[in-house]
Amino acid sequence: MERLDKVLVSQGIGSRSEVQKLIRKKSVTVDGGVIVKPEFKVDPENTEIKVNGQALSFKKYLYIMMNKPAGVISAAKDDKDKTVVDILPAELKRKGLFPAGRLDKDTEGLLILTDDGDFAHKLTSPKKHIYKRYYVKLDGELYDSMVSEFEKGVEFRDGTKCLPAKLEITDKNTAYVEICEGKFHQVKKMFAVFSLNVIYLKRVKIGGLELDGKLHTGEARELTFFEKTSIFIGK
């Protein structure tokens, strides 16, 4: 059982003070009865809660797919830069959301935001071997022997060894790369070993989940149950 005001805040209805005002103004009902005490205890998963006559569709956790644009950072908040949480549409914003994993500021593509810490840990842990697929453009030419080098695990110039990765060359300077870890600037550093600079990078797939082709850059929507589970089924 949880406090009614806490439940409403968790669902993005408003701040603590805002939802308390709604409750005291008799704008909230629980199983048909008007509730005027913010501290009233409810079981949100088995109770009908209405706000201004509209039924609350309670979701313990939220799972969001975003087509991240370049220029925003993968963080919940930042004092200087705009974050992926800042650009969420109002209907998807709620307290506690954060990106599960990160993309560099100048990298685009598939990013998942959630308020489920266990899910995020499972998604980002290298031990789970969830591969992330990226489309990459480079400032120089790729060569076939790089495929086996990626398979063996690229070693950075500072001696750091990467886990085995997959490289699929599509043109002389474009490719798809799949990695199952998330070292800082990893894809860029991997190509830097071969004296190639990444000029464009976009994540297109996580595990078995592909970026929705209808989702324009900067847009976001909730994941379906199937999409959420496909991440781990198709890893």
Protein backbone atom coordinates (compact mmCIF):
# COMPACT_ATOMS: atom_id res chain seq x y z
CA MET A 1 0.00 0.00 0.00
CA GLU A 2 1.22 3.49 -0.89
CA ARG A 3 0.20 7.05 -0.17
CA LEU A 4 -2.24 8.41 -2.73
CA ASP A 5 -0.22 11.56 -3.36
CA LYS A 6 2.94 9.52 -3.92
CA VAL A 7 1.16 7.33 -6.48
CA LEU A 8 -0.11 10.35 -8.41
CA VAL A 9 3.33 11.96 -8.45
CA SER A 10 4.88 8.72 -9.74
CA GLN A 11 2.46 8.75 -12.67
CA GLY A 12 3.36 12.28 -13.71
CA ILE A 13 0.12 13.93 -12.57
CA GLY A 14 2.05 16.74 -10.95
CA SER A 15 4.45 17.70 -8.18
CA ARG A 16 3.81 16.64 -4.58
CA SER A 17 2.22 20.00 -3.75
CA GLU A 18 0.15 20.02 -6.95
CA VAL A 19 -1.37 16.60 -6.40
CA GLN A 20 -2.06 17.38 -2.76
CA LYS A 21 -4.08 20.42 -3.89
CA LEU A 22 -5.99 18.23 -6.36
CA ILE A 23 -6.85 15.77 -3.60
CA ARG A 24 -7.96 18.46 -1.14
CA LYS A 25 -10.14 20.03 -3.87
CA LYS A 26 -12.01 16.69 -4.10
CA SER A 27 -10.73 16.06 -7.64
CA VAL A 28 -9.56 12.51 -6.90
CA THR A 29 -11.66 9.41 -6.33
CA VAL A 30 -10.63 5.91 -5.27
CA ASP A 31 -13.04 3.12 -6.21
CA GLY A 32 -15.76 5.73 -6.66
CA GLY A 33 -15.26 7.50 -3.35
CA VAL A 34 -13.90 11.03 -3.03
CA ILE A 35 -10.63 11.16 -1.12
CA VAL A 36 -9.47 14.39 0.54
CA LYS A 37 -6.43 13.14 2.45
CA PRO A 38 -3.13 12.96 0.50
CA GLU A 39 -1.83 10.32 2.92
CA PHE A 40 -4.71 7.93 2.14
CA LYS A 41 -3.25 4.48 1.39
CA VAL A 42 -4.06 2.68 -1.86
CA ASP A 43 -3.01 -0.39 -3.79
CA PRO A 44 -2.47 1.29 -7.18
CA GLU A 45 -2.39 -1.96 -9.16
CA ASN A 46 -5.76 -3.15 -7.86
CA THR A 47 -7.64 0.11 -7.29
CA GLU A 48 -9.56 2.40 -9.63
CA ILE A 49 -8.18 5.90 -9.22
CA LYS A 50 -9.68 8.82 -11.12
CA VAL A 51 -8.37 12.37 -11.43
CA ASN A 52 -10.94 14.94 -12.58
CA GLY A 53 -13.07 12.02 -13.74
CA GLN A 54 -10.31 10.47 -15.85
CA ALA A 55 -9.18 6.96 -14.90
CA LEU A 56 -5.52 6.63 -14.00
CA SER A 57 -3.73 3.93 -15.99
CA PHE A 58 -1.16 2.96 -13.37
CA LYS A 59 2.23 1.81 -14.58
CA LYS A 60 4.78 0.84 -11.97
CA TYR A 61 7.59 1.40 -14.45
CA LEU A 62 7.86 3.17 -17.76
CA TYR A 63 9.91 1.98 -20.74
CA ILE A 64 10.50 4.47 -23.54
CA MET A 65 12.14 4.24 -26.96
CA MET A 66 13.74 7.45 -28.20
CA ASN A 67 15.36 8.27 -31.51
CA LYS A 68 18.01 10.44 -29.90
CA PRO A 69 19.15 13.49 -31.84
CA ALA A 70 22.69 14.80 -31.86
CA GLY A 71 23.35 17.69 -29.51
CA VAL A 72 21.62 16.36 -26.38
CA ILE A 73 23.31 14.36 -23.65
CA SER A 74 22.30 10.98 -22.25
CA ALA A 75 21.51 12.04 -18.70
CA ALA A 76 18.50 12.75 -16.49
CA LYS A 77 19.62 16.32 -15.79
CA ASP A 78 22.52 18.64 -16.50
CA ASP A 79 23.33 22.22 -15.56
CA LYS A 80 24.73 23.17 -18.97
CA ASP A 81 23.32 20.96 -21.72
CA LYS A 82 19.87 19.82 -22.76
CA THR A 83 19.27 16.18 -21.82
CA VAL A 84 17.24 13.33 -23.31
CA VAL A 85 14.81 13.64 -20.39
CA ASP A 86 14.35 17.35 -21.15
CA ILE A 87 13.16 16.62 -24.70
CA LEU A 88 10.61 13.95 -23.77
CA PRO A 89 7.02 14.89 -24.68
CA ALA A 90 4.95 16.01 -21.69
CA GLU A 91 2.81 12.85 -21.70
CA LEU A 92 5.90 10.67 -21.15
CA LYS A 93 7.61 12.75 -18.48
CA ARG A 94 7.59 11.57 -14.91
CA LYS A 95 9.86 11.59 -11.90
CA GLY A 96 12.75 9.13 -11.84
CA LEU A 97 13.27 8.56 -15.57
CA PHE A 98 16.84 8.10 -16.79
CA PRO A 99 18.59 6.70 -19.88
CA ALA A 100 19.44 2.99 -19.65
CA GLY A 101 22.93 3.25 -21.03
CA ARG A 102 24.23 6.22 -22.95
CA LEU A 103 25.00 7.61 -26.35
CA ASP A 104 27.61 10.30 -26.92
CA LYS A 105 26.33 13.83 -27.33
CA ASP A 106 26.93 13.77 -31.10
CA THR A 107 25.57 10.23 -31.58
CA GLU A 108 22.03 9.59 -32.77
CA GLY A 109 19.61 6.68 -32.62
CA LEU A 110 18.05 4.13 -30.33
CA LEU A 111 18.03 4.99 -26.65
CA ILE A 112 15.87 3.49 -23.93
CA LEU A 113 14.69 5.52 -20.95
CA THR A 114 13.12 3.98 -17.88
CA ASP A 115 12.65 4.30 -14.13
CA ASP A 116 13.26 0.57 -13.58
CA GLY A 117 16.77 0.19 -12.17
CA ASP A 118 16.88 -3.60 -12.36
CA PHE A 119 15.87 -3.54 -16.03
CA ALA A 120 18.52 -0.91 -16.80
CA HIS A 121 21.23 -2.93 -15.07
CA LYS A 122 20.28 -6.06 -17.00
CA LEU A 123 20.31 -4.10 -20.25
CA THR A 124 23.72 -2.49 -19.76
CA SER A 125 25.71 -5.21 -17.98
CA PRO A 126 28.49 -6.62 -20.22
CA LYS A 127 27.91 -9.99 -18.52
CA LYS A 128 24.50 -10.20 -20.20
CA HIS A 129 26.08 -9.91 -23.68
CA ILE A 130 23.33 -7.69 -25.08
CA TYR A 131 24.72 -6.54 -28.42
CA LYS A 132 24.18 -2.97 -29.58
CA ARG A 133 24.28 -2.35 -33.33
CA TYR A 134 25.54 0.92 -34.82
CA TYR A 135 25.64 2.40 -38.30
CA VAL A 136 28.92 4.27 -38.79
CA LYS A 137 30.45 6.54 -41.45
CA LEU A 138 34.22 7.06 -41.49
CA ASP A 139 36.65 9.54 -43.02
CA GLY A 140 38.71 6.83 -44.67
CA GLU A 141 38.47 3.42 -46.28
CA LEU A 142 37.72 0.20 -44.44
CA TYR A 143 39.51 -3.02 -45.33
CA ASP A 144 38.44 -6.66 -45.00
CA SER A 145 41.06 -7.72 -42.45
CA MET A 146 39.46 -5.37 -39.91
CA VAL A 147 36.56 -7.81 -39.58
CA SER A 148 38.77 -10.44 -37.94
CA GLU A 149 40.47 -7.78 -35.80
CA PHE A 150 37.10 -6.76 -34.38
CA GLU A 151 36.21 -10.43 -33.80
CA LYS A 152 39.38 -10.93 -31.77
CA GLY A 153 38.72 -7.82 -29.68
CA VAL A 154 40.28 -4.48 -30.52
CA GLU A 155 42.98 -3.21 -28.18
CA PHE A 156 43.08 0.53 -27.57
CA ARG A 157 46.31 2.45 -27.72
CA ASP A 158 46.39 2.62 -23.90
CA GLY A 159 46.28 -1.19 -23.68
CA THR A 160 42.57 -1.52 -22.88
CA LYS A 161 41.17 -4.67 -24.54
CA CYS A 162 37.63 -4.73 -25.87
CA LEU A 163 35.38 -7.76 -25.92
CA PRO A 164 34.88 -9.41 -29.33
CA ALA A 165 32.79 -7.25 -31.68
CA LYS A 166 31.16 -7.70 -35.06
CA LEU A 167 32.03 -5.56 -38.07
CA GLU A 168 29.94 -5.64 -41.24
CA ILE A 169 31.44 -3.51 -44.01
CA THR A 170 28.76 -2.09 -46.32
CA ASP A 171 30.84 0.30 -48.43
CA LYS A 172 34.37 1.64 -48.54
CA ASN A 173 33.66 4.04 -45.67
CA THR A 174 30.42 2.79 -44.05
CA ALA A 175 29.73 -0.19 -41.84
CA TYR A 176 27.63 -1.71 -39.07
CA VAL A 177 29.29 -2.47 -35.75
CA GLU A 178 27.95 -4.61 -32.91
CA ILE A 179 29.38 -4.42 -29.38
CA CYS A 180 28.18 -5.87 -26.08
CA GLU A 181 29.80 -3.38 -23.74
CA GLY A 182 29.82 0.39 -23.39
CA LYS A 183 33.29 1.78 -22.81
CA PHE A 184 33.60 5.56 -23.08
CA HIS A 185 33.63 6.56 -26.79
CA GLN A 186 34.18 2.88 -27.56
CA VAL A 187 33.19 2.73 -31.23
CA LYS A 188 35.18 5.88 -32.03
CA LYS A 189 38.25 4.56 -30.21
CA MET A 190 38.02 1.18 -31.93
CA PHE A 191 38.24 2.77 -35.36
CA ALA A 192 40.91 5.21 -34.17
CA VAL A 193 43.16 2.18 -33.68
CA PHE A 194 43.05 1.82 -37.47
CA SER A 195 43.60 5.57 -38.02
CA LEU A 196 39.96 6.15 -38.99
CA ASN A 197 37.76 8.90 -37.58
CA VAL A 198 34.02 8.44 -37.09
CA ILE A 199 32.11 11.25 -38.79
CA TYR A 200 28.59 9.89 -38.15
CA LEU A 201 27.30 7.34 -35.64
CA LYS A 202 23.79 6.03 -35.07
CA ARG A 203 22.59 3.16 -32.88
CA VAL A 204 19.95 1.14 -34.70
CA LYS A 205 19.42 -1.94 -32.53
CA ILE A 206 19.71 -3.20 -28.95
CA GLY A 207 19.51 -6.98 -28.56
CA GLY A 208 16.46 -7.98 -30.57
CA LEU A 209 14.92 -4.48 -30.52
CA GLU A 210 15.29 -2.36 -33.64
CA LEU A 211 14.78 1.39 -33.78
CA ASP A 212 11.28 2.15 -35.06
CA GLY A 213 11.76 3.51 -38.57
CA LYS A 214 8.67 5.71 -38.15
CA LEU A 215 10.15 7.46 -35.12
CA HIS A 216 11.64 10.73 -36.32
CA THR A 217 14.81 12.14 -34.79
CA GLY A 218 14.01 13.54 -31.35
CA GLU A 219 10.73 11.63 -31.01
CA ALA A 220 9.92 9.08 -28.33
CA ARG A 221 7.18 6.58 -27.48
CA GLU A 222 6.49 3.79 -25.02
CA LEU A 223 7.81 0.34 -25.72
CA THR A 224 5.26 -2.41 -26.18
CA PHE A 225 5.53 -5.50 -23.98
CA PHE A 226 6.77 -7.48 -26.98
CA GLU A 227 9.45 -4.90 -27.76
CA LYS A 228 10.64 -4.83 -24.17
CA THR A 229 11.02 -8.60 -24.00
CA SER A 230 12.54 -8.82 -27.50
CA ILE A 231 15.63 -6.99 -26.24
CA PHE A 232 16.68 -10.05 -24.27
CA ILE A 233 15.21 -12.75 -26.52
CA GLY A 234 17.16 -11.57 -29.55
CA LYS A 235 20.43 -10.75 -27.81
